[in-house]
Amino acid sequence: MQRIVPMLVYADAPAAIEFLGKAFGFEVRFRMDMPDGSVGHAELALGDAVVMLASEWPAGGVVSPLRLPALHAQLFVRVDDVDAHFERARAEGATIAAEPADQEYGDRTYRAIDPEGQRWIFGAPLASKRPTARASRVGTSRRASSRAASRRRAK
């Protein structure tokens, strides 16, 4: 079972469920509609990965990214064929933030934004280019240096 499951909020969750299915290939595993037409809880799957979503609940402090001044998070999703996935998303009207490209860290990715502003990154490992142990250590070293600098500034 997946250990971390993103839980997304949409102003129009029924429309989001339809879009995520058509554009990105998600399938509804569970959906609990409320009497007012909102979605109380839904679980969508892409392969063996699940994302949960629901309609906004302002009283509980959760709203759509449409109501936020900036992007609060991104979702990275592994797919089998980045280019085919990209073509499907584009054909279904996804807003493309970046077309498929090979990344220096060893993945081929593209970025798309759904109708309510959630940013999705879809990627697959490049068979010919895997990150090296050195690249991993460099990233860790940079993060450690950044944290140390932040602590110094805070003092």
Protein backbone atom coordinates (compact mmCIF):
# COMPACT_ATOMS: atom_id res chain seq x y z
CA MET A 1 0.00 0.00 0.00
CA GLN A 2 1.16 3.51 -0.86
CA ARG A 3 2.61 5.22 2.23
CA ILE A 4 2.07 8.84 1.18
CA VAL A 5 -1.18 9.76 -0.57
CA PRO A 6 -1.69 13.32 -1.81
CA MET A 7 -5.07 14.80 -0.90
CA LEU A 8 -6.10 17.59 -3.28
CA VAL A 9 -8.90 20.12 -3.01
CA TYR A 10 -10.93 21.49 -5.92
CA ALA A 11 -13.64 24.15 -6.16
CA ASP A 12 -15.33 21.96 -8.79
CA ALA A 13 -14.29 18.44 -7.79
CA PRO A 14 -16.71 16.67 -10.17
CA ALA A 15 -15.18 18.54 -13.13
CA ALA A 16 -11.66 17.84 -11.80
CA ILE A 17 -12.38 14.11 -11.62
CA GLU A 18 -13.59 14.13 -15.22
CA PHE A 19 -10.56 16.13 -16.40
CA LEU A 20 -8.01 14.01 -14.52
CA GLY A 21 -9.50 10.89 -16.11
CA LYS A 22 -9.60 12.21 -19.66
CA ALA A 23 -6.34 14.16 -19.71
CA PHE A 24 -4.08 12.18 -17.39
CA GLY A 25 -5.61 8.69 -17.38
CA PHE A 26 -6.77 8.48 -13.76
CA GLU A 27 -9.54 6.00 -12.92
CA VAL A 28 -12.05 6.51 -10.12
CA ARG A 29 -11.67 3.85 -7.41
CA PHE A 30 -14.06 5.44 -4.94
CA ARG A 31 -16.32 8.48 -4.98
CA MET A 32 -18.60 9.82 -2.26
CA ASP A 33 -20.92 12.52 -3.61
CA MET A 34 -22.66 14.83 -1.18
CA PRO A 35 -26.32 15.93 -1.35
CA ASP A 36 -25.27 19.43 -2.52
CA GLY A 37 -23.39 18.02 -5.55
CA SER A 38 -19.92 18.39 -4.03
CA VAL A 39 -17.51 15.50 -3.57
CA GLY A 40 -16.89 14.54 0.05
CA HIS A 41 -14.07 12.15 -0.84
CA ALA A 42 -12.76 10.48 -3.98
CA GLU A 43 -9.84 8.19 -4.74
CA LEU A 44 -8.34 8.16 -8.23
CA ALA A 45 -5.73 5.68 -9.41
CA LEU A 46 -3.07 5.76 -12.07
CA GLY A 47 -1.64 2.26 -12.14
CA ASP A 48 -1.01 1.34 -8.53
CA ALA A 49 -0.69 4.94 -7.31
CA VAL A 50 -3.60 6.78 -5.70
CA VAL A 51 -4.46 10.42 -5.23
CA MET A 52 -7.39 11.52 -3.09
CA LEU A 53 -9.48 14.60 -3.70
CA ALA A 54 -12.52 16.44 -2.44
CA SER A 55 -14.48 19.61 -2.90
CA GLU A 56 -13.43 22.72 -1.03
CA TRP A 57 -14.30 22.90 2.66
CA PRO A 58 -13.62 26.50 3.73
CA ALA A 59 -14.86 25.87 7.29
CA GLY A 60 -12.17 23.20 7.59
CA GLY A 61 -9.50 25.48 6.13
CA VAL A 62 -9.05 23.81 2.74
CA VAL A 63 -9.59 25.60 -0.57
CA SER A 64 -8.66 25.18 -4.21
CA PRO A 65 -5.33 26.54 -5.51
CA LEU A 66 -7.52 28.98 -7.46
CA ARG A 67 -7.87 30.92 -4.20
CA LEU A 68 -4.17 30.97 -3.32
CA PRO A 69 -1.69 33.68 -4.34
CA ALA A 70 0.98 31.19 -5.42
CA LEU A 71 1.54 27.52 -6.14
CA HIS A 72 1.70 25.59 -2.86
CA ALA A 73 2.93 22.22 -4.18
CA GLN A 74 3.49 20.07 -7.25
CA LEU A 75 2.77 16.41 -7.86
CA PHE A 76 5.34 14.17 -9.54
CA VAL A 77 3.85 11.10 -11.20
CA ARG A 78 5.79 8.27 -12.83
CA VAL A 79 4.35 7.11 -16.16
CA ASP A 80 5.47 4.46 -18.63
CA ASP A 81 5.66 6.68 -21.73
CA VAL A 82 6.12 10.41 -21.15
CA ASP A 83 5.58 11.41 -24.76
CA ALA A 84 2.36 9.41 -25.21
CA HIS A 85 1.07 10.73 -21.87
CA PHE A 86 1.92 14.28 -22.96
CA GLU A 87 0.04 13.88 -26.24
CA ARG A 88 -3.05 12.64 -24.41
CA ALA A 89 -2.95 15.49 -21.89
CA ARG A 90 -2.51 18.10 -24.61
CA ALA A 91 -5.33 16.59 -26.72
CA GLU A 92 -7.67 16.77 -23.70
CA GLY A 93 -6.91 20.43 -23.05
CA ALA A 94 -4.34 20.34 -20.26
CA THR A 95 -2.37 23.56 -19.94
CA ILE A 96 1.19 22.59 -20.80
CA ALA A 97 3.78 24.34 -18.65
CA ALA A 98 6.76 22.53 -20.21
CA GLU A 99 6.92 20.03 -23.07
CA PRO A 100 8.70 16.68 -22.70
CA ALA A 101 12.45 17.04 -22.19
CA ASP A 102 15.32 14.92 -20.95
CA GLN A 103 16.55 16.14 -17.56
CA GLU A 104 20.16 16.01 -16.36
CA TYR A 105 19.10 14.06 -13.26
CA GLY A 106 18.09 11.09 -15.42
CA ASP A 107 14.35 11.49 -16.15
CA ARG A 108 12.29 12.58 -19.14
CA THR A 109 9.51 14.87 -17.89
CA TYR A 110 6.81 17.32 -18.85
CA ARG A 111 4.69 19.68 -16.73
CA ALA A 112 0.97 20.35 -17.01
CA ILE A 113 -1.48 22.43 -15.04
CA ASP A 114 -5.03 21.25 -14.46
CA PRO A 115 -8.03 23.61 -14.70
CA GLU A 116 -7.78 24.65 -11.03
CA GLY A 117 -4.06 25.31 -10.97
CA GLN A 118 -2.64 22.07 -9.56
CA ARG A 119 0.75 21.52 -11.25
CA TRP A 120 1.53 17.97 -12.32
CA ILE A 121 4.95 16.71 -13.42
CA PHE A 122 4.91 13.44 -15.31
CA GLY A 123 8.17 11.59 -15.75
CA ALA A 124 9.97 8.37 -16.54
CA PRO A 125 13.58 7.36 -15.99
CA LEU A 126 15.87 7.58 -18.98
CA ALA A 127 17.41 4.18 -19.61
CA SER A 128 20.61 5.75 -20.90
CA LYS A 129 21.16 8.28 -18.13
CA ARG A 130 20.99 7.43 -14.45
CA PRO A 131 22.07 9.87 -11.74
CA THR A 132 25.46 9.01 -10.32
CA ALA A 133 26.27 8.62 -6.63
CA ARG A 134 28.34 11.81 -6.96
CA ALA A 135 25.30 13.74 -8.22
CA SER A 136 23.31 12.51 -5.23
CA ARG A 137 26.03 13.59 -2.80
CA VAL A 138 26.27 17.02 -4.45
CA GLY A 139 22.53 17.56 -3.99
CA THR A 140 22.72 16.45 -0.35
CA SER A 141 25.74 18.70 0.23
CA ARG A 142 23.93 21.70 -1.27
CA ARG A 143 20.87 21.11 0.92
CA ALA A 144 23.04 20.80 4.04
CA SER A 145 24.90 24.01 3.14
CA SER A 146 21.62 25.80 2.52
CA ARG A 147 20.23 24.69 5.90
CA ALA A 148 23.41 25.79 7.68
CA ALA A 149 23.26 29.21 5.96
CA SER A 150 19.60 29.59 6.97
CA ARG A 151 20.46 28.82 10.60
CA ARG A 152 23.28 31.41 10.54
CA ARG A 153 20.93 34.06 9.13
CA ALA A 154 18.32 33.28 11.78
CA LYS A 155 20.78 33.94 14.63
